[in-house]
Amino acid sequence: MKKIEAVIQPEKLNDVREALADADYPGITVTEITGHGKQKAKVQQWRGDSYRVAFLSKVKIEIVCADKEAEGIIQIISAAAFTGGFGDGKIFLSDIREAIRIRTGERGSKALS
């Protein structure tokens, strides 16, 4: 099993969610986060004054899937979250040793479906 974590721009969340649902993979966890990458901060204007926003709003999507599904899901997220600009985000892939469905006690890939 694999865990996919994608940090994307908030305005791309609906595009990613719809693309995953169209591919019959609707199960995701979404968390609102803040952070920065190489761009560090953003200068914004408010009532004529400039100020720096040190942390930018992002969304983290987490998906646990079968090994064979991981590459397809990564491609879907990459395509749906792409703008071509700075801050499009990152995708991280890790191995998952075990998954357990609390309600039934099912383990492994059975717990994912």
PDB file of N, CA and C in Angstrom:
ATOM      1  N   MET A   1       0.837  -1.176   0.000  1.00  0.00           N
ATOM      2  CA  MET A   1       0.000   0.000   0.000  1.00  0.00           C
ATOM      3  C   MET A   1       0.881   1.238   0.000  1.00  0.00           C
ATOM      4  N   LYS A   2       0.352   2.321  -0.553  1.00  0.00           N
ATOM      5  CA  LYS A   2       1.064   3.591  -0.644  1.00  0.00           C
ATOM      6  C   LYS A   2       0.215   4.699  -0.046  1.00  0.00           C
ATOM      7  N   LYS A   3       0.904   5.703   0.491  1.00  0.00           N
ATOM      8  CA  LYS A   3       0.235   6.913   0.950  1.00  0.00           C
ATOM      9  C   LYS A   3       0.714   8.052   0.067  1.00  0.00           C
ATOM     10  N   ILE A   4      -0.241   8.757  -0.519  1.00  0.00           N
ATOM     11  CA  ILE A   4       0.050   9.909  -1.359  1.00  0.00           C
ATOM     12  C   ILE A   4      -0.373  11.146  -0.581  1.00  0.00           C
ATOM     13  N   GLU A   5       0.567  12.066  -0.412  1.00  0.00           N
ATOM     14  CA  GLU A   5       0.274  13.358   0.213  1.00  0.00           C
ATOM     15  C   GLU A   5       0.563  14.423  -0.827  1.00  0.00           C
ATOM     16  N   ALA A   6      -0.425  15.230  -1.136  1.00  0.00           N
ATOM     17  CA  ALA A   6      -0.268  16.294  -2.124  1.00  0.00           C
ATOM     18  C   ALA A   6      -0.583  17.623  -1.454  1.00  0.00           C
ATOM     19  N   VAL A   7       0.329  18.568  -1.580  1.00  0.00           N
ATOM     20  CA  VAL A   7       0.118  19.925  -1.091  1.00  0.00           C
ATOM     21  C   VAL A   7      -0.138  20.779  -2.325  1.00  0.00           C
ATOM     22  N   ILE A   8      -1.338  21.363  -2.405  1.00  0.00           N
ATOM     23  CA  ILE A   8      -1.755  22.089  -3.609  1.00  0.00           C
ATOM     24  C   ILE A   8      -2.350  23.441  -3.240  1.00  0.00           C
ATOM     25  N   GLN A   9      -2.598  24.242  -4.268  1.00  0.00           N
ATOM     26  CA  GLN A   9      -3.266  25.521  -4.065  1.00  0.00           C
ATOM     27  C   GLN A   9      -4.742  25.271  -3.745  1.00  0.00           C
ATOM     28  N   PRO A  10      -5.285  26.021  -2.793  1.00  0.00           N
ATOM     29  CA  PRO A  10      -6.689  25.791  -2.394  1.00  0.00           C
ATOM     30  C   PRO A  10      -7.685  25.888  -3.542  1.00  0.00           C
ATOM     31  N   GLU A  11      -7.442  26.781  -4.479  1.00  0.00           N
ATOM     32  CA  GLU A  11      -8.394  26.960  -5.579  1.00  0.00           C
ATOM     33  C   GLU A  11      -8.398  25.781  -6.557  1.00  0.00           C
ATOM     34  N   LYS A  12      -7.436  24.865  -6.442  1.00  0.00           N
ATOM     35  CA  LYS A  12      -7.390  23.692  -7.306  1.00  0.00           C
ATOM     36  C   LYS A  12      -8.014  22.452  -6.653  1.00  0.00           C
ATOM     37  N   LEU A  13      -8.437  22.580  -5.403  1.00  0.00           N
ATOM     38  CA  LEU A  13      -8.990  21.429  -4.686  1.00  0.00           C
ATOM     39  C   LEU A  13     -10.184  20.819  -5.404  1.00  0.00           C
ATOM     40  N   ASN A  14     -11.131  21.625  -5.831  1.00  0.00           N
ATOM     41  CA  ASN A  14     -12.323  21.081  -6.465  1.00  0.00           C
ATOM     42  C   ASN A  14     -11.970  20.369  -7.778  1.00  0.00           C
ATOM     43  N   ASP A  15     -11.016  20.921  -8.538  1.00  0.00           N
ATOM     44  CA  ASP A  15     -10.585  20.268  -9.776  1.00  0.00           C
ATOM     45  C   ASP A  15      -9.986  18.896  -9.488  1.00  0.00           C
ATOM     46  N   VAL A  16      -9.148  18.828  -8.448  1.00  0.00           N
ATOM     47  CA  VAL A  16      -8.512  17.557  -8.084  1.00  0.00           C
ATOM     48  C   VAL A  16      -9.560  16.566  -7.590  1.00  0.00           C
ATOM     49  N   ARG A  17     -10.461  17.023  -6.746  1.00  0.00           N
ATOM     50  CA  ARG A  17     -11.502  16.146  -6.208  1.00  0.00           C
ATOM     51  C   ARG A  17     -12.368  15.574  -7.327  1.00  0.00           C
ATOM     52  N   GLU A  18     -12.771  16.418  -8.253  1.00  0.00           N
ATOM     53  CA  GLU A  18     -13.597  15.961  -9.374  1.00  0.00           C
ATOM     54  C   GLU A  18     -12.841  14.981 -10.269  1.00  0.00           C
ATOM     55  N   ALA A  19     -11.571  15.257 -10.533  1.00  0.00           N
ATOM     56  CA  ALA A  19     -10.776  14.364 -11.379  1.00  0.00           C
ATOM     57  C   ALA A  19     -10.610  12.994 -10.722  1.00  0.00           C
ATOM     58  N   LEU A  20     -10.397  12.965  -9.417  1.00  0.00           N
ATOM     59  CA  LEU A  20     -10.291  11.693  -8.696  1.00  0.00           C
ATOM     60  C   LEU A  20     -11.623  10.947  -8.701  1.00  0.00           C
ATOM     61  N   ALA A  21     -12.725  11.661  -8.514  1.00  0.00           N
ATOM     62  CA  ALA A  21     -14.054  11.035  -8.529  1.00  0.00           C
ATOM     63  C   ALA A  21     -14.362  10.475  -9.923  1.00  0.00           C
ATOM     64  N   ASP A  22     -13.987  11.215 -10.981  1.00  0.00           N
ATOM     65  CA  ASP A  22     -14.204  10.735 -12.353  1.00  0.00           C
ATOM     66  C   ASP A  22     -13.418   9.452 -12.628  1.00  0.00           C
ATOM     67  N   ALA A  23     -12.293   9.289 -11.933  1.00  0.00           N
ATOM     68  CA  ALA A  23     -11.463   8.089 -12.099  1.00  0.00           C
ATOM     69  C   ALA A  23     -11.862   6.995 -11.111  1.00  0.00           C
ATOM     70  N   ASP A  24     -13.016   7.160 -10.477  1.00  0.00           N
ATOM     71  CA  ASP A  24     -13.539   6.208  -9.493  1.00  0.00           C
ATOM     72  C   ASP A  24     -12.639   6.050  -8.278  1.00  0.00           C
ATOM     73  N   TYR A  25     -11.965   7.142  -7.877  1.00  0.00           N
ATOM     74  CA  TYR A  25     -11.219   7.112  -6.627  1.00  0.00           C
ATOM     75  C   TYR A  25     -11.665   8.288  -5.771  1.00  0.00           C
ATOM     76  N   PRO A  26     -12.824   8.170  -5.121  1.00  0.00           N
ATOM     77  CA  PRO A  26     -13.384   9.292  -4.377  1.00  0.00           C
ATOM     78  C   PRO A  26     -12.861   9.456  -2.951  1.00  0.00           C
ATOM     79  N   GLY A  27     -12.129   8.488  -2.400  1.00  0.00           N
ATOM     80  CA  GLY A  27     -11.733   8.536  -0.991  1.00  0.00           C
ATOM     81  C   GLY A  27     -10.499   9.379  -0.740  1.00  0.00           C
ATOM     82  N   ILE A  28     -10.671  10.579  -0.184  1.00  0.00           N
ATOM     83  CA  ILE A  28      -9.537  11.446   0.134  1.00  0.00           C
ATOM     84  C   ILE A  28      -9.752  12.094   1.493  1.00  0.00           C
ATOM     85  N   THR A  29      -8.662  12.509   2.102  1.00  0.00           N
ATOM     86  CA  THR A  29      -8.702  13.317   3.318  1.00  0.00           C
ATOM     87  C   THR A  29      -8.095  14.662   2.967  1.00  0.00           C
ATOM     88  N   VAL A  30      -8.755  15.741   3.364  1.00  0.00           N
ATOM     89  CA  VAL A  30      -8.303  17.092   3.028  1.00  0.00           C
ATOM     90  C   VAL A  30      -8.084  17.885   4.312  1.00  0.00           C
ATOM     91  N   THR A  31      -6.942  18.577   4.367  1.00  0.00           N
ATOM     92  CA  THR A  31      -6.603  19.421   5.515  1.00  0.00           C
ATOM     93  C   THR A  31      -6.165  20.785   5.004  1.00  0.00           C
ATOM     94  N   GLU A  32      -6.686  21.852   5.607  1.00  0.00           N
ATOM     95  CA  GLU A  32      -6.218  23.199   5.278  1.00  0.00           C
ATOM     96  C   GLU A  32      -4.938  23.452   6.057  1.00  0.00           C
ATOM     97  N   ILE A  33      -3.891  23.891   5.357  1.00  0.00           N
ATOM     98  CA  ILE A  33      -2.594  24.111   5.985  1.00  0.00           C
ATOM     99  C   ILE A  33      -2.027  25.451   5.537  1.00  0.00           C
ATOM    100  N   THR A  34      -0.932  25.870   6.161  1.00  0.00           N
ATOM    101  CA  THR A  34      -0.188  27.034   5.713  1.00  0.00           C
ATOM    102  C   THR A  34       1.280  26.669   5.660  1.00  0.00           C
ATOM    103  N   GLY A  35       2.015  27.372   4.839  1.00  0.00           N
ATOM    104  CA  GLY A  35       3.447  27.124   4.742  1.00  0.00           C
ATOM    105  C   GLY A  35       4.044  27.950   3.630  1.00  0.00           C
ATOM    106  N   HIS A  36       5.308  27.700   3.347  1.00  0.00           N
ATOM    107  CA  HIS A  36       5.949  28.365   2.211  1.00  0.00           C
ATOM    108  C   HIS A  36       7.058  27.488   1.674  1.00  0.00           C
ATOM    109  N   GLY A  37       7.333  27.694   0.422  1.00  0.00           N
ATOM    110  CA  GLY A  37       8.438  27.006  -0.236  1.00  0.00           C
ATOM    111  C   GLY A  37       9.502  28.023  -0.570  1.00  0.00           C
ATOM    112  N   LYS A  38      10.053  27.919  -1.756  1.00  0.00           N
ATOM    113  CA  LYS A  38      11.107  28.848  -2.166  1.00  0.00           C
ATOM    114  C   LYS A  38      10.615  30.289  -2.266  1.00  0.00           C
ATOM    115  N   GLN A  39       9.325  30.472  -2.545  1.00  0.00           N
ATOM    116  CA  GLN A  39       8.824  31.837  -2.689  1.00  0.00           C
ATOM    117  C   GLN A  39       8.729  32.565  -1.352  1.00  0.00           C
ATOM    118  N   LYS A  40       8.835  31.872  -0.262  1.00  0.00           N
ATOM    119  CA  LYS A  40       8.867  32.372   1.116  1.00  0.00           C
ATOM    120  C   LYS A  40       7.667  33.198   1.518  1.00  0.00           C
ATOM    121  N   ALA A  41       7.492  34.378   0.998  1.00  0.00           N
ATOM    122  CA  ALA A  41       6.392  35.233   1.441  1.00  0.00           C
ATOM    123  C   ALA A  41       5.775  35.911   0.231  1.00  0.00           C
ATOM    124  N   LYS A  42       4.615  36.472   0.449  1.00  0.00           N
ATOM    125  CA  LYS A  42       3.891  37.139  -0.614  1.00  0.00           C
ATOM    126  C   LYS A  42       3.558  38.545  -0.135  1.00  0.00           C
ATOM    127  N   VAL A  43       3.788  39.545  -0.975  1.00  0.00           N
ATOM    128  CA  VAL A  43       3.440  40.921  -0.629  1.00  0.00           C
ATOM    129  C   VAL A  43       2.023  41.174  -1.108  1.00  0.00           C
ATOM    130  N   GLN A  44       1.176  41.651  -0.193  1.00  0.00           N
ATOM    131  CA  GLN A  44      -0.207  41.946  -0.545  1.00  0.00           C
ATOM    132  C   GLN A  44      -0.538  43.371  -0.151  1.00  0.00           C
ATOM    133  N   GLN A  45      -1.582  43.892  -0.760  1.00  0.00           N
ATOM    134  CA  GLN A  45      -2.047  45.253  -0.473  1.00  0.00           C
ATOM    135  C   GLN A  45      -3.375  45.179   0.263  1.00  0.00           C
ATOM    136  N   TRP A  46      -3.521  46.045   1.246  1.00  0.00           N
ATOM    137  CA  TRP A  46      -4.800  46.164   1.944  1.00  0.00           C
ATOM    138  C   TRP A  46      -4.968  47.606   2.375  1.00  0.00           C
ATOM    139  N   ARG A  47      -5.997  48.247   1.880  1.00  0.00           N
ATOM    140  CA  ARG A  47      -6.284  49.648   2.166  1.00  0.00           C
ATOM    141  C   ARG A  47      -5.070  50.547   1.928  1.00  0.00           C
ATOM    142  N   GLY A  48      -4.390  50.292   0.829  1.00  0.00           N
ATOM    143  CA  GLY A  48      -3.263  51.125   0.447  1.00  0.00           C
ATOM    144  C   GLY A  48      -1.938  50.784   1.095  1.00  0.00           C
ATOM    145  N   ASP A  49      -1.925  49.907   2.053  1.00  0.00           N
ATOM    146  CA  ASP A  49      -0.682  49.512   2.721  1.00  0.00           C
ATOM    147  C   ASP A  49      -0.214  48.163   2.198  1.00  0.00           C
ATOM    148  N   SER A  50       1.102  48.032   2.094  1.00  0.00           N
ATOM    149  CA  SER A  50       1.684  46.751   1.710  1.00  0.00           C
ATOM    150  C   SER A  50       2.079  45.977   2.957  1.00  0.00           C
ATOM    151  N   TYR A  51       1.879  44.678   2.923  1.00  0.00           N
ATOM    152  CA  TYR A  51       2.335  43.828   4.023  1.00  0.00           C
ATOM    153  C   TYR A  51       2.722  42.475   3.462  1.00  0.00           C
ATOM    154  N   ARG A  52       3.612  41.797   4.173  1.00  0.00           N
ATOM    155  CA  ARG A  52       4.093  40.488   3.744  1.00  0.00           C
ATOM    156  C   ARG A  52       3.335  39.390   4.468  1.00  0.00           C
ATOM    157  N   VAL A  53       2.873  38.430   3.688  1.00  0.00           N
ATOM    158  CA  VAL A  53       2.227  37.249   4.250  1.00  0.00           C
ATOM    159  C   VAL A  53       3.303  36.166   4.289  1.00  0.00           C
ATOM    160  N   ALA A  54       3.742  35.790   5.499  1.00  0.00           N
ATOM    161  CA  ALA A  54       4.851  34.847   5.644  1.00  0.00           C
ATOM    162  C   ALA A  54       4.447  33.420   5.283  1.00  0.00           C
ATOM    163  N   PHE A  55       3.227  33.031   5.600  1.00  0.00           N
ATOM    164  CA  PHE A  55       2.758  31.679   5.303  1.00  0.00           C
ATOM    165  C   PHE A  55       1.576  31.764   4.358  1.00  0.00           C
ATOM    166  N   LEU A  56       1.634  30.951   3.317  1.00  0.00           N
ATOM    167  CA  LEU A  56       0.594  30.944   2.307  1.00  0.00           C
ATOM    168  C   LEU A  56      -0.392  29.812   2.572  1.00  0.00           C
ATOM    169  N   SER A  57      -1.651  30.055   2.252  1.00  0.00           N
ATOM    170  CA  SER A  57      -2.680  29.031   2.430  1.00  0.00           C
ATOM    171  C   SER A  57      -2.494  27.937   1.381  1.00  0.00           C
ATOM    172  N   LYS A  58      -2.543  26.693   1.842  1.00  0.00           N
ATOM    173  CA  LYS A  58      -2.446  25.525   0.967  1.00  0.00           C
ATOM    174  C   LYS A  58      -3.450  24.486   1.444  1.00  0.00           C
ATOM    175  N   VAL A  59      -3.615  23.448   0.669  1.00  0.00           N
ATOM    176  CA  VAL A  59      -4.473  22.325   1.026  1.00  0.00           C
ATOM    177  C   VAL A  59      -3.637  21.057   0.907  1.00  0.00           C
ATOM    178  N   LYS A  60      -3.751  20.180   1.901  1.00  0.00           N
ATOM    179  CA  LYS A  60      -3.061  18.892   1.825  1.00  0.00           C
ATOM    180  C   LYS A  60      -4.099  17.805   1.617  1.00  0.00           C
ATOM    181  N   ILE A  61      -3.863  16.999   0.591  1.00  0.00           N
ATOM    182  CA  ILE A  61      -4.726  15.859   0.274  1.00  0.00           C
ATOM    183  C   ILE A  61      -3.947  14.605   0.631  1.00  0.00           C
ATOM    184  N   GLU A  62      -4.592  13.677   1.343  1.00  0.00           N
ATOM    185  CA  GLU A  62      -3.969  12.408   1.687  1.00  0.00           C
ATOM    186  C   GLU A  62      -4.828  11.273   1.147  1.00  0.00           C
ATOM    187  N   ILE A  63      -4.165  10.319   0.513  1.00  0.00           N
ATOM    188  CA  ILE A  63      -4.845   9.153  -0.056  1.00  0.00           C
ATOM    189  C   ILE A  63      -3.992   7.929   0.239  1.00  0.00           C
ATOM    190  N   VAL A  64      -4.620   6.872   0.743  1.00  0.00           N
ATOM    191  CA  VAL A  64      -3.938   5.582   0.883  1.00  0.00           C
ATOM    192  C   VAL A  64      -4.564   4.655  -0.149  1.00  0.00           C
ATOM    193  N   CYS A  65      -3.697   4.012  -0.937  1.00  0.00           N
ATOM    194  CA  CYS A  65      -4.195   3.203  -2.046  1.00  0.00           C
ATOM    195  C   CYS A  65      -3.331   1.959  -2.235  1.00  0.00           C
ATOM    196  N   ALA A  66      -3.780   1.082  -3.106  1.00  0.00           N
ATOM    197  CA  ALA A  66      -2.985  -0.092  -3.481  1.00  0.00           C
ATOM    198  C   ALA A  66      -1.775   0.370  -4.278  1.00  0.00           C
ATOM    199  N   ASP A  67      -0.698  -0.390  -4.199  1.00  0.00           N
ATOM    200  CA  ASP A  67       0.540  -0.038  -4.905  1.00  0.00           C
ATOM    201  C   ASP A  67       0.287   0.239  -6.390  1.00  0.00           C
ATOM    202  N   LYS A  68      -0.522  -0.590  -7.027  1.00  0.00           N
ATOM    203  CA  LYS A  68      -0.740  -0.471  -8.469  1.00  0.00           C
ATOM    204  C   LYS A  68      -1.544   0.771  -8.857  1.00  0.00           C
ATOM    205  N   GLU A  69      -2.277   1.374  -7.910  1.00  0.00           N
ATOM    206  CA  GLU A  69      -3.080   2.566  -8.195  1.00  0.00           C
ATOM    207  C   GLU A  69      -2.300   3.865  -8.021  1.00  0.00           C
ATOM    208  N   ALA A  70      -1.175   3.827  -7.333  1.00  0.00           N
ATOM    209  CA  ALA A  70      -0.469   5.046  -6.923  1.00  0.00           C
ATOM    210  C   ALA A  70      -0.066   5.927  -8.104  1.00  0.00           C
ATOM    211  N   GLU A  71       0.554   5.360  -9.110  1.00  0.00           N
ATOM    212  CA  GLU A  71       1.047   6.183 -10.222  1.00  0.00           C
ATOM    213  C   GLU A  71      -0.095   6.867 -10.965  1.00  0.00           C
ATOM    214  N   GLY A  72      -1.207   6.172 -11.163  1.00  0.00           N
ATOM    215  CA  GLY A  72      -2.360   6.786 -11.822  1.00  0.00           C
ATOM    216  C   GLY A  72      -2.931   7.936 -11.023  1.00  0.00           C
ATOM    217  N   ILE A  73      -3.015   7.778  -9.714  1.00  0.00           N
ATOM    218  CA  ILE A  73      -3.531   8.838  -8.848  1.00  0.00           C
ATOM    219  C   ILE A  73      -2.588  10.036  -8.861  1.00  0.00           C
ATOM    220  N   ILE A  74      -1.287   9.784  -8.833  1.00  0.00           N
ATOM    221  CA  ILE A  74      -0.307  10.876  -8.890  1.00  0.00           C
ATOM    222  C   ILE A  74      -0.472  11.660 -10.193  1.00  0.00           C
ATOM    223  N   GLN A  75      -0.659  10.969 -11.306  1.00  0.00           N
ATOM    224  CA  GLN A  75      -0.837  11.645 -12.590  1.00  0.00           C
ATOM    225  C   GLN A  75      -2.116  12.484 -12.615  1.00  0.00           C
ATOM    226  N   ILE A  76      -3.182  11.956 -12.019  1.00  0.00           N
ATOM    227  CA  ILE A  76      -4.453  12.693 -11.958  1.00  0.00           C
ATOM    228  C   ILE A  76      -4.288  13.967 -11.137  1.00  0.00           C
ATOM    229  N   ILE A  77      -3.673  13.847  -9.974  1.00  0.00           N
ATOM    230  CA  ILE A  77      -3.471  15.020  -9.113  1.00  0.00           C
ATOM    231  C   ILE A  77      -2.577  16.040  -9.808  1.00  0.00           C
ATOM    232  N   SER A  78      -1.485  15.578 -10.408  1.00  0.00           N
ATOM    233  CA  SER A  78      -0.554  16.485 -11.096  1.00  0.00           C
ATOM    234  C   SER A  78      -1.253  17.273 -12.199  1.00  0.00           C
ATOM    235  N   ALA A  79      -2.046  16.601 -12.997  1.00  0.00           N
ATOM    236  CA  ALA A  79      -2.733  17.263 -14.104  1.00  0.00           C
ATOM    237  C   ALA A  79      -3.793  18.245 -13.600  1.00  0.00           C
ATOM    238  N   ALA A  80      -4.559  17.845 -12.600  1.00  0.00           N
ATOM    239  CA  ALA A  80      -5.659  18.682 -12.113  1.00  0.00           C
ATOM    240  C   ALA A  80      -5.170  19.873 -11.291  1.00  0.00           C
ATOM    241  N   ALA A  81      -4.018  19.764 -10.642  1.00  0.00           N
ATOM    242  CA  ALA A  81      -3.505  20.846  -9.790  1.00  0.00           C
ATOM    243  C   ALA A  81      -2.565  21.784 -10.536  1.00  0.00           C
ATOM    244  N   PHE A  82      -2.217  21.463 -11.766  1.00  0.00           N
ATOM    245  CA  PHE A  82      -1.233  22.233 -12.521  1.00  0.00           C
ATOM    246  C   PHE A  82      -1.764  23.590 -12.956  1.00  0.00           C
ATOM    247  N   THR A  83      -0.989  24.649 -12.679  1.00  0.00           N
ATOM    248  CA  THR A  83      -1.278  25.985 -13.217  1.00  0.00           C
ATOM    249  C   THR A  83      -0.101  26.490 -14.033  1.00  0.00           C
ATOM    250  N   GLY A  84       1.089  25.931 -13.784  1.00  0.00           N
ATOM    251  CA  GLY A  84       2.289  26.385 -14.461  1.00  0.00           C
ATOM    252  C   GLY A  84       3.015  27.488 -13.720  1.00  0.00           C
ATOM    253  N   GLY A  85       2.432  27.942 -12.613  1.00  0.00           N
ATOM    254  CA  GLY A  85       3.046  29.019 -11.837  1.00  0.00           C
ATOM    255  C   GLY A  85       3.733  28.505 -10.590  1.00  0.00           C
ATOM    256  N   PHE A  86       4.433  29.424  -9.918  1.00  0.00           N
ATOM    257  CA  PHE A  86       5.060  29.071  -8.651  1.00  0.00           C
ATOM    258  C   PHE A  86       3.996  28.673  -7.645  1.00  0.00           C
ATOM    259  N   GLY A  87       4.312  27.711  -6.785  1.00  0.00           N
ATOM    260  CA  GLY A  87       3.387  27.325  -5.730  1.00  0.00           C
ATOM    261  C   GLY A  87       2.350  26.301  -6.130  1.00  0.00           C
ATOM    262  N   ASP A  88       2.534  25.631  -7.272  1.00  0.00           N
ATOM    263  CA  ASP A  88       1.588  24.581  -7.669  1.00  0.00           C
ATOM    264  C   ASP A  88       1.552  23.457  -6.646  1.00  0.00           C
ATOM    265  N   GLY A  89       2.660  23.237  -5.929  1.00  0.00           N
ATOM    266  CA  GLY A  89       2.654  22.262  -4.847  1.00  0.00           C
ATOM    267  C   GLY A  89       3.633  21.132  -5.047  1.00  0.00           C
ATOM    268  N   LYS A  90       3.471  20.124  -4.205  1.00  0.00           N
ATOM    269  CA  LYS A  90       4.341  18.951  -4.214  1.00  0.00           C
ATOM    270  C   LYS A  90       3.491  17.712  -3.926  1.00  0.00           C
ATOM    271  N   ILE A  91       4.014  16.570  -4.378  1.00  0.00           N
ATOM    272  CA  ILE A  91       3.378  15.285  -4.079  1.00  0.00           C
ATOM    273  C   ILE A  91       4.438  14.395  -3.437  1.00  0.00           C
ATOM    274  N   PHE A  92       4.065  13.762  -2.333  1.00  0.00           N
ATOM    275  CA  PHE A  92       4.961  12.860  -1.614  1.00  0.00           C
ATOM    276  C   PHE A  92       4.349  11.463  -1.619  1.00  0.00           C
ATOM    277  N   LEU A  93       5.189  10.461  -1.794  1.00  0.00           N
ATOM    278  CA  LEU A  93       4.741   9.073  -1.839  1.00  0.00           C
ATOM    279  C   LEU A  93       5.487   8.277  -0.779  1.00  0.00           C
ATOM    280  N   SER A  94       4.766   7.564   0.072  1.00  0.00           N
ATOM    281  CA  SER A  94       5.400   6.730   1.101  1.00  0.00           C
ATOM    282  C   SER A  94       4.735   5.373   1.165  1.00  0.00           C
ATOM    283  N   ASP A  95       5.465   4.428   1.737  1.00  0.00           N
ATOM    284  CA  ASP A  95       4.943   3.079   1.940  1.00  0.00           C
ATOM    285  C   ASP A  95       4.115   3.035   3.219  1.00  0.00           C
ATOM    286  N   ILE A  96       3.044   2.255   3.180  1.00  0.00           N
ATOM    287  CA  ILE A  96       2.199   2.023   4.348  1.00  0.00           C
ATOM    288  C   ILE A  96       2.304   0.543   4.699  1.00  0.00           C
ATOM    289  N   ARG A  97       2.651   0.256   5.926  1.00  0.00           N
ATOM    290  CA  ARG A  97       2.795  -1.143   6.353  1.00  0.00           C
ATOM    291  C   ARG A  97       1.450  -1.821   6.555  1.00  0.00           C
ATOM    292  N   GLU A  98       0.490  -1.096   7.097  1.00  0.00           N
ATOM    293  CA  GLU A  98      -0.786  -1.734   7.448  1.00  0.00           C
ATOM    294  C   GLU A  98      -1.896  -0.697   7.472  1.00  0.00           C
ATOM    295  N   ALA A  99      -3.098  -1.143   7.163  1.00  0.00           N
ATOM    296  CA  ALA A  99      -4.312  -0.341   7.301  1.00  0.00           C
ATOM    297  C   ALA A  99      -5.338  -1.209   8.014  1.00  0.00           C
ATOM    298  N   ILE A 100      -6.071  -0.613   8.943  1.00  0.00           N
ATOM    299  CA  ILE A 100      -7.079  -1.355   9.715  1.00  0.00           C
ATOM    300  C   ILE A 100      -8.376  -0.553   9.716  1.00  0.00           C
ATOM    301  N   ARG A 101      -9.458  -1.187   9.297  1.00  0.00           N
ATOM    302  CA  ARG A 101     -10.782  -0.556   9.384  1.00  0.00           C
ATOM    303  C   ARG A 101     -11.291  -0.763  10.804  1.00  0.00           C
ATOM    304  N   ILE A 102     -11.531   0.311  11.501  1.00  0.00           N
ATOM    305  CA  ILE A 102     -11.926   0.248  12.910  1.00  0.00           C
ATOM    306  C   ILE A 102     -13.243  -0.510  13.086  1.00  0.00           C
ATOM    307  N   ARG A 103     -14.229  -0.242  12.246  1.00  0.00           N
ATOM    308  CA  ARG A 103     -15.556  -0.832  12.405  1.00  0.00           C
ATOM    309  C   ARG A 103     -15.545  -2.351  12.323  1.00  0.00           C
ATOM    310  N   THR A 104     -14.772  -2.915  11.370  1.00  0.00           N
ATOM    311  CA  THR A 104     -14.830  -4.360  11.138  1.00  0.00           C
ATOM    312  C   THR A 104     -13.559  -5.110  11.541  1.00  0.00           C
ATOM    313  N   GLY A 105     -12.473  -4.377  11.720  1.00  0.00           N
ATOM    314  CA  GLY A 105     -11.204  -5.005  12.016  1.00  0.00           C
ATOM    315  C   GLY A 105     -10.473  -5.525  10.785  1.00  0.00           C
ATOM    316  N   GLU A 106     -11.041  -5.297   9.599  1.00  0.00           N
ATOM    317  CA  GLU A 106     -10.385  -5.738   8.372  1.00  0.00           C
ATOM    318  C   GLU A 106      -9.025  -5.072   8.253  1.00  0.00           C
ATOM    319  N   ARG A 107      -8.085  -5.808   7.656  1.00  0.00           N
ATOM    320  CA  ARG A 107      -6.725  -5.311   7.526  1.00  0.00           C
ATOM    321  C   ARG A 107      -6.265  -5.321   6.078  1.00  0.00           C
ATOM    322  N   GLY A 108      -5.218  -4.534   5.810  1.00  0.00           N
ATOM    323  CA  GLY A 108      -4.626  -4.492   4.472  1.00  0.00           C
ATOM    324  C   GLY A 108      -5.527  -3.844   3.455  1.00  0.00           C
ATOM    325  N   SER A 109      -5.454  -4.337   2.221  1.00  0.00           N
ATOM    326  CA  SER A 109      -6.227  -3.728   1.136  1.00  0.00           C
ATOM    327  C   SER A 109      -7.739  -3.835   1.345  1.00  0.00           C
ATOM    328  N   LYS A 110      -8.185  -4.837   2.111  1.00  0.00           N
ATOM    329  CA  LYS A 110      -9.626  -4.954   2.409  1.00  0.00           C
ATOM    330  C   LYS A 110     -10.124  -3.749   3.213  1.00  0.00           C
ATOM    331  N   ALA A 111      -9.242  -3.170   4.026  1.00  0.00           N
ATOM    332  CA  ALA A 111      -9.631  -2.006   4.831  1.00  0.00           C
ATOM    333  C   ALA A 111      -9.759  -0.740   3.990  1.00  0.00           C
ATOM    334  N   LEU A 112      -9.205  -0.742   2.783  1.00  0.00           N
ATOM    335  CA  LEU A 112      -9.248   0.443   1.934  1.00  0.00           C
ATOM    336  C   LEU A 112     -10.505   0.544   1.091  1.00  0.00           C
ATOM    337  N   SER A 113     -11.125  -0.581   0.787  1.00  0.00           N
ATOM    338  CA  SER A 113     -12.289  -0.549  -0.120  1.00  0.00           C
ATOM    339  C   SER A 113     -13.575  -0.301   0.615  1.00  0.00           C
TER     340      SER A 113
END
